[in-house]
Amino acid sequence: MGAHDYFRTTVMIKYFFKTIRSQKVSELAEAKPGTWVHAEAPTADEIEQLVKRFKLEPGHIEDALDEDEVPRLEREDDQTYVFVRYAYKTASGEMDTAPLLIVFGTEVVLTVSPFHLPAVDALLKGRPPFATTQRAKLTLLILSHISTQYDTFINQISRKIKAIRARLRGQGLTNQDLIDFVTIEDELNEFLASLLPTNATLRRLLVGRHIPLFEEDQDIVEDLLLNNEQSIEAIRSNLKSISNIRDAYTAITSNNLNKTITLLTLATILVALPNVFFGMYGMNVHLPFQHADWAFPAIVIFNLVLIVTIVTVARKKRII
């Protein structure tokens, strides 16, 4: 079963209704003015049903089910189509994004997603309070929840990067950490590719030609823009931190390798030099002082002095 399949629910279209005075959200059998219509992984028949019932553009509904669809804003007749991407966790625990279409119609707000939308659960639990009859505010609340979800995941990634960076100080970085970096970079780049066009969409919404916004609504859009900008900067900062940690790890590894090679080379020299003299006096030829009693101790002392000299010079030149 794939990661996305884990999030697929029973194909369905739900109709939620709540007024300002209502205490809780009601689920209706059919849509009426002021309803929030939510379609999750709709079938071809259900797409056709939605298109006919709410006079939608079929191509836009099909685009909403394309996993690679990018955020954008479209206007058809009296309806505004807001394409965004929301962040979620896959069955394997990795972070990914999926498309969401918000249709702002004359009577209802309609959302279409190929997978389960976390914002639905949050809003149905009354966090924050909302009314489906306030279509513009409902649309902005969905966008706000998506933005908050990005913040949550980015903060989790930041903490993970800091933990890996702390292990780097103790030179305890493992191969698994480097593998995790690849996954984290993919997740951050996915978030960045979603947030950048989302901001362009929010700026167009702020103009007010696509969705009628009150002054309070405009403040919400401005807050969303600011929050997304901060998220984008946080993503870029995390990507730079990963690059710096990887470069530092490469430099440390290279430096340690150079030290090891230098130490082994020096050890080879220190072992080889005494063998030269011991080998010479082990040959069956006449050599100076070979019959002297002090010859062997002299050779040993000479080699010790030579070794100490080599080590001292190497330390002064910081070779070891």
Protein backbone atom coordinates (compact mmCIF):
# COMPACT_ATOMS: atom_id res chain seq x y z
CA MET A 1 0.00 0.00 0.00
CA GLY A 2 1.45 3.38 -1.02
CA ALA A 3 1.88 6.35 1.27
CA HIS A 4 -1.01 8.22 -0.29
CA ASP A 5 -3.30 5.18 -0.23
CA TYR A 6 -3.05 5.22 3.54
CA PHE A 7 -4.87 8.54 3.59
CA ARG A 8 -7.58 7.62 1.13
CA THR A 9 -10.95 7.39 2.82
CA THR A 10 -14.29 6.13 1.58
CA VAL A 11 -15.17 8.21 -1.45
CA MET A 12 -17.72 10.76 -0.34
CA ILE A 13 -19.23 14.20 -0.58
CA LYS A 14 -20.24 15.85 2.68
CA TYR A 15 -22.40 18.89 3.30
CA PHE A 16 -21.64 20.92 6.43
CA PHE A 17 -23.79 23.77 7.68
CA LYS A 18 -23.38 26.16 10.60
CA THR A 19 -24.66 29.65 11.26
CA ILE A 20 -23.16 32.22 13.61
CA ARG A 21 -25.73 31.33 16.27
CA SER A 22 -25.32 27.55 15.91
CA GLN A 23 -23.42 25.71 18.63
CA LYS A 24 -22.15 22.93 16.40
CA VAL A 25 -21.76 21.97 12.76
CA SER A 26 -24.62 20.05 11.17
CA GLU A 27 -24.12 17.54 8.39
CA LEU A 28 -26.85 17.81 5.77
CA ALA A 29 -28.11 15.32 3.23
CA GLU A 30 -28.19 17.97 0.48
CA ALA A 31 -26.60 21.36 -0.06
CA LYS A 32 -28.41 24.61 0.58
CA PRO A 33 -27.23 28.25 0.49
CA GLY A 34 -24.45 28.78 3.03
CA THR A 35 -23.27 25.16 2.96
CA TRP A 36 -19.66 23.99 3.00
CA VAL A 37 -19.44 21.17 0.47
CA HIS A 38 -16.41 18.93 0.92
CA ALA A 39 -15.51 16.21 -1.59
CA GLU A 40 -12.74 13.79 -0.69
CA ALA A 41 -11.28 11.63 -3.46
CA PRO A 42 -14.45 11.91 -5.59
CA THR A 43 -15.13 9.36 -8.29
CA ALA A 44 -15.87 10.27 -11.92
CA ASP A 45 -19.62 10.00 -11.22
CA GLU A 46 -19.36 12.26 -8.19
CA ILE A 47 -17.30 14.79 -10.13
CA GLU A 48 -20.03 14.86 -12.77
CA GLN A 49 -22.59 15.29 -9.99
CA LEU A 50 -20.70 18.23 -8.52
CA VAL A 51 -20.20 19.87 -11.91
CA LYS A 52 -23.91 19.69 -12.75
CA ARG A 53 -25.19 20.63 -9.30
CA PHE A 54 -22.93 23.66 -8.75
CA LYS A 55 -22.18 24.57 -12.40
CA LEU A 56 -18.43 24.00 -12.02
CA GLU A 57 -15.66 23.90 -14.60
CA PRO A 58 -14.88 20.15 -15.08
CA GLY A 59 -11.23 20.77 -15.92
CA HIS A 60 -10.60 22.57 -12.63
CA ILE A 61 -12.13 19.72 -10.61
CA GLU A 62 -9.91 17.22 -12.40
CA ASP A 63 -6.89 19.47 -11.76
CA ALA A 64 -7.66 19.35 -8.04
CA LEU A 65 -7.06 15.59 -8.08
CA ASP A 66 -3.69 15.91 -9.80
CA GLU A 67 -1.02 15.29 -7.16
CA ASP A 68 1.39 17.67 -8.93
CA GLU A 69 -1.03 20.59 -9.27
CA VAL A 70 0.52 23.92 -8.27
CA PRO A 71 -1.21 26.71 -6.29
CA ARG A 72 -2.96 29.29 -8.44
CA LEU A 73 -6.11 31.40 -8.71
CA GLU A 74 -8.72 31.13 -11.47
CA ARG A 75 -11.97 32.97 -12.11
CA GLU A 76 -14.84 31.45 -14.12
CA ASP A 77 -18.15 33.31 -14.35
CA ASP A 78 -19.24 34.04 -10.75
CA GLN A 79 -16.99 31.43 -9.17
CA THR A 80 -13.41 31.70 -7.91
CA TYR A 81 -11.15 28.62 -7.94
CA VAL A 82 -8.35 28.77 -5.37
CA PHE A 83 -5.74 26.03 -5.78
CA VAL A 84 -3.40 25.50 -2.81
CA ARG A 85 -1.32 22.67 -1.35
CA TYR A 86 -1.54 21.46 2.25
CA ALA A 87 1.10 19.59 4.26
CA TYR A 88 0.49 16.19 5.86
CA LYS A 89 2.37 13.14 7.11
CA THR A 90 2.42 9.96 5.06
CA ALA A 91 1.99 6.47 6.51
CA SER A 92 5.79 6.12 6.70
CA GLY A 93 6.04 9.31 8.80
CA GLU A 94 7.50 11.47 6.03
CA MET A 95 6.08 14.91 5.25
CA ASP A 96 4.49 15.65 1.90
CA THR A 97 2.01 18.04 0.30
CA ALA A 98 -1.23 17.45 -1.58
CA PRO A 99 -3.46 19.72 -3.70
CA LEU A 100 -6.67 21.32 -2.46
CA LEU A 101 -9.22 23.20 -4.50
CA ILE A 102 -11.43 25.78 -2.79
CA VAL A 103 -14.34 26.94 -4.92
CA PHE A 104 -15.87 30.20 -3.75
CA GLY A 105 -19.35 30.22 -5.26
CA THR A 106 -22.31 32.54 -5.03
CA GLU A 107 -24.08 30.28 -2.50
CA VAL A 108 -21.61 27.71 -1.17
CA VAL A 109 -17.95 27.06 -0.50
CA LEU A 110 -16.77 23.82 -2.07
CA THR A 111 -13.50 22.03 -1.31
CA VAL A 112 -12.04 19.13 -3.29
CA SER A 113 -9.02 17.09 -2.20
CA PRO A 114 -7.61 13.72 -3.29
CA PHE A 115 -6.75 12.77 0.32
CA HIS A 116 -7.95 13.48 3.82
CA LEU A 117 -7.79 17.19 4.67
CA PRO A 118 -6.65 17.86 8.28
CA ALA A 119 -8.38 21.27 8.28
CA VAL A 120 -11.76 19.49 8.13
CA ASP A 121 -11.18 17.73 11.45
CA ALA A 122 -9.93 20.91 13.12
CA LEU A 123 -12.86 23.05 11.99
CA LEU A 124 -15.46 20.41 12.82
CA LYS A 125 -14.07 20.32 16.36
CA GLY A 126 -14.71 24.05 16.58
CA ARG A 127 -11.07 25.20 16.45
CA PRO A 128 -11.52 28.05 15.73
CA PRO A 129 -15.28 28.82 15.78
CA PHE A 130 -16.67 29.48 12.31
CA ALA A 131 -19.86 29.71 10.30
CA THR A 132 -20.30 28.14 6.87
CA THR A 133 -22.62 30.99 5.99
CA GLN A 134 -19.64 33.38 6.17
CA ARG A 135 -18.08 32.09 2.98
CA ALA A 136 -15.08 34.42 2.77
CA LYS A 137 -14.13 33.87 6.41
CA LEU A 138 -14.50 30.09 6.03
CA THR A 139 -12.18 30.15 3.02
CA LEU A 140 -9.60 32.15 4.95
CA LEU A 141 -9.90 29.86 7.99
CA ILE A 142 -9.09 26.84 5.81
CA LEU A 143 -6.07 28.70 4.40
CA SER A 144 -5.03 29.71 7.94
CA HIS A 145 -5.12 26.11 9.14
CA ILE A 146 -3.01 25.04 6.17
CA SER A 147 -0.49 27.76 6.99
CA THR A 148 -0.38 26.69 10.64
CA GLN A 149 0.20 23.09 9.58
CA TYR A 150 3.22 24.18 7.54
CA ASP A 151 4.58 26.05 10.58
CA THR A 152 4.19 22.96 12.76
CA PHE A 153 6.05 20.71 10.33
CA ILE A 154 8.80 23.27 9.69
CA ASN A 155 9.36 23.61 13.45
CA GLN A 156 9.63 19.83 13.76
CA ILE A 157 12.20 19.77 10.97
CA SER A 158 14.15 22.61 12.60
CA ARG A 159 14.37 20.67 15.87
CA LYS A 160 15.56 17.59 14.01
CA ILE A 161 18.29 19.59 12.24
CA LYS A 162 19.43 21.11 15.57
CA ALA A 163 19.68 17.63 17.10
CA ILE A 164 21.85 16.44 14.21
CA ARG A 165 23.99 19.59 14.45
CA ALA A 166 24.54 18.89 18.17
CA ARG A 167 25.82 15.41 17.29
CA LEU A 168 28.20 16.99 14.78
CA ARG A 169 29.89 18.94 17.59
CA GLY A 170 30.64 15.65 19.30
CA GLN A 171 31.63 14.14 15.93
CA GLY A 172 28.86 11.60 16.40
CA LEU A 173 27.25 12.12 13.00
CA THR A 174 26.19 8.82 11.45
CA ASN A 175 25.41 7.66 7.93
CA GLN A 176 21.73 7.57 8.92
CA ASP A 177 21.91 11.28 9.75
CA LEU A 178 23.19 12.00 6.25
CA ILE A 179 20.38 9.87 4.79
CA ASP A 180 17.88 11.81 6.94
CA PHE A 181 19.28 15.03 5.50
CA VAL A 182 18.30 13.90 2.00
CA THR A 183 14.73 13.24 3.17
CA ILE A 184 14.56 16.55 5.04
CA GLU A 185 15.82 18.48 2.01
CA ASP A 186 13.16 16.86 -0.18
CA GLU A 187 10.46 17.81 2.34
CA LEU A 188 11.68 21.40 2.65
CA ASN A 189 11.93 21.83 -1.11
CA GLU A 190 8.40 20.45 -1.45
CA PHE A 191 7.15 22.97 1.13
CA LEU A 192 9.02 25.80 -0.60
CA ALA A 193 7.56 24.87 -4.00
CA SER A 194 4.08 25.02 -2.44
CA LEU A 195 4.40 28.20 -0.37
CA LEU A 196 5.96 30.45 -3.02
CA PRO A 197 3.03 30.25 -5.50
CA THR A 198 0.58 30.28 -2.57
CA ASN A 199 1.84 33.74 -1.63
CA ALA A 200 1.27 34.93 -5.19
CA THR A 201 -2.30 33.61 -4.90
CA LEU A 202 -2.84 35.41 -1.57
CA ARG A 203 -1.63 38.70 -3.06
CA ARG A 204 -4.23 38.36 -5.82
CA LEU A 205 -6.91 37.62 -3.21
CA LEU A 206 -5.91 40.74 -1.32
CA VAL A 207 -6.95 42.87 -4.29
CA GLY A 208 -10.53 41.82 -3.53
CA ARG A 209 -11.72 41.21 -7.09
CA HIS A 210 -11.96 37.43 -6.73
CA ILE A 211 -13.43 37.13 -3.23
CA PRO A 212 -15.24 40.02 -1.51
CA LEU A 213 -13.24 40.84 1.61
CA PHE A 214 -14.13 43.02 4.57
CA GLU A 215 -11.41 44.98 6.33
CA GLU A 216 -11.09 42.20 8.94
CA ASP A 217 -10.72 39.63 6.16
CA GLN A 218 -8.01 41.68 4.51
CA ASP A 219 -6.12 41.69 7.80
CA ILE A 220 -6.32 37.88 7.86
CA VAL A 221 -4.93 37.66 4.32
CA GLU A 222 -2.10 40.04 5.23
CA ASP A 223 -1.31 37.91 8.29
CA LEU A 224 -1.29 34.81 6.09
CA LEU A 225 1.10 36.51 3.67
CA LEU A 226 3.42 37.52 6.51
CA ASN A 227 3.26 34.07 8.09
CA ASN A 228 4.03 32.37 4.78
CA GLU A 229 6.96 34.72 4.18
CA GLN A 230 8.34 33.77 7.58
CA SER A 231 7.85 30.09 6.77
CA ILE A 232 9.69 30.53 3.47
CA GLU A 233 12.60 32.23 5.25
CA ALA A 234 12.64 29.45 7.86
CA ILE A 235 12.78 26.84 5.08
CA ARG A 236 15.65 28.62 3.35
CA SER A 237 17.48 28.95 6.67
CA ASN A 238 17.04 25.22 7.33
CA LEU A 239 18.27 24.34 3.84
CA LYS A 240 21.34 26.52 4.41
CA SER A 241 21.95 24.87 7.80
CA ILE A 242 21.82 21.44 6.19
CA SER A 243 24.30 22.55 3.54
CA ASN A 244 26.62 24.02 6.20
CA ILE A 245 26.43 20.89 8.37
CA ARG A 246 27.16 18.68 5.36
CA ASP A 247 30.14 20.87 4.36
CA ALA A 248 31.44 20.87 7.93
CA TYR A 249 31.10 17.10 8.18
CA THR A 250 32.95 16.69 4.87
CA ALA A 251 35.75 19.00 6.07
CA ILE A 252 36.03 17.22 9.43
CA THR A 253 36.07 13.80 7.78
CA SER A 254 38.70 14.93 5.28
CA ASN A 255 40.82 16.46 8.05
CA ASN A 256 40.60 13.32 10.18
CA LEU A 257 41.55 11.20 7.18
CA ASN A 258 44.55 13.41 6.47
CA LYS A 259 45.67 13.13 10.10
CA THR A 260 45.31 9.37 10.00
CA ILE A 261 47.33 9.09 6.78
CA THR A 262 50.00 11.42 8.19
CA LEU A 263 50.22 9.42 11.42
CA LEU A 264 50.49 6.13 9.55
CA THR A 265 53.16 7.59 7.24
CA LEU A 266 55.16 8.85 10.21
CA ALA A 267 54.81 5.50 11.95
CA THR A 268 56.11 3.78 8.81
CA ILE A 269 59.15 6.08 8.75
CA LEU A 270 59.86 5.52 12.45
CA VAL A 271 59.71 1.77 11.99
CA ALA A 272 61.71 1.75 8.75
CA LEU A 273 64.68 3.90 9.86
CA PRO A 274 65.87 1.66 12.72
CA ASN A 275 65.52 -1.36 10.45
CA VAL A 276 68.03 0.20 8.06
CA PHE A 277 70.77 0.22 10.72
CA PHE A 278 69.83 -3.11 12.25
CA GLY A 279 69.76 -4.61 8.79
CA MET A 280 73.20 -3.23 7.95
CA TYR A 281 74.76 -4.77 11.04
CA GLY A 282 73.02 -8.05 10.34
CA MET A 283 74.83 -8.47 7.02
CA ASN A 284 77.76 -10.91 6.66
CA VAL A 285 80.25 -8.19 5.70
CA HIS A 286 82.86 -6.29 7.68
CA LEU A 287 81.46 -3.10 9.21
CA PRO A 288 83.05 -0.45 11.45
CA PHE A 289 82.93 -1.24 15.17
CA GLN A 290 81.04 -4.48 14.57
CA HIS A 291 83.14 -6.26 17.21
CA ALA A 292 82.91 -3.43 19.76
CA ASP A 293 80.83 -4.11 22.87
CA TRP A 294 79.22 -0.66 22.73
CA ALA A 295 78.16 -0.92 19.04
CA PHE A 296 74.66 -2.31 19.70
CA PRO A 297 73.76 0.15 22.52
CA ALA A 298 75.11 2.99 20.37
CA ILE A 299 72.89 1.99 17.43
CA VAL A 300 69.85 1.75 19.73
CA ILE A 301 70.56 5.14 21.31
CA PHE A 302 71.17 6.70 17.88
CA ASN A 303 67.83 5.38 16.62
CA LEU A 304 66.01 6.62 19.71
CA VAL A 305 67.55 10.08 19.27
CA LEU A 306 66.57 10.00 15.58
CA ILE A 307 62.98 9.01 16.40
CA VAL A 308 62.67 11.71 19.08
CA THR A 309 64.08 14.30 16.66
CA ILE A 310 61.61 13.33 13.92
CA VAL A 311 58.66 13.42 16.34
CA THR A 312 59.77 16.82 17.75
CA VAL A 313 60.11 18.34 14.28
CA ALA A 314 56.71 16.90 13.26
CA ARG A 315 55.06 18.44 16.34
CA LYS A 316 56.64 21.85 15.75
CA LYS A 317 55.41 21.83 12.17
CA ARG A 318 52.02 20.58 13.44
CA ILE A 319 52.17 17.52 11.27
CA ILE A 320 50.92 15.49 14.20
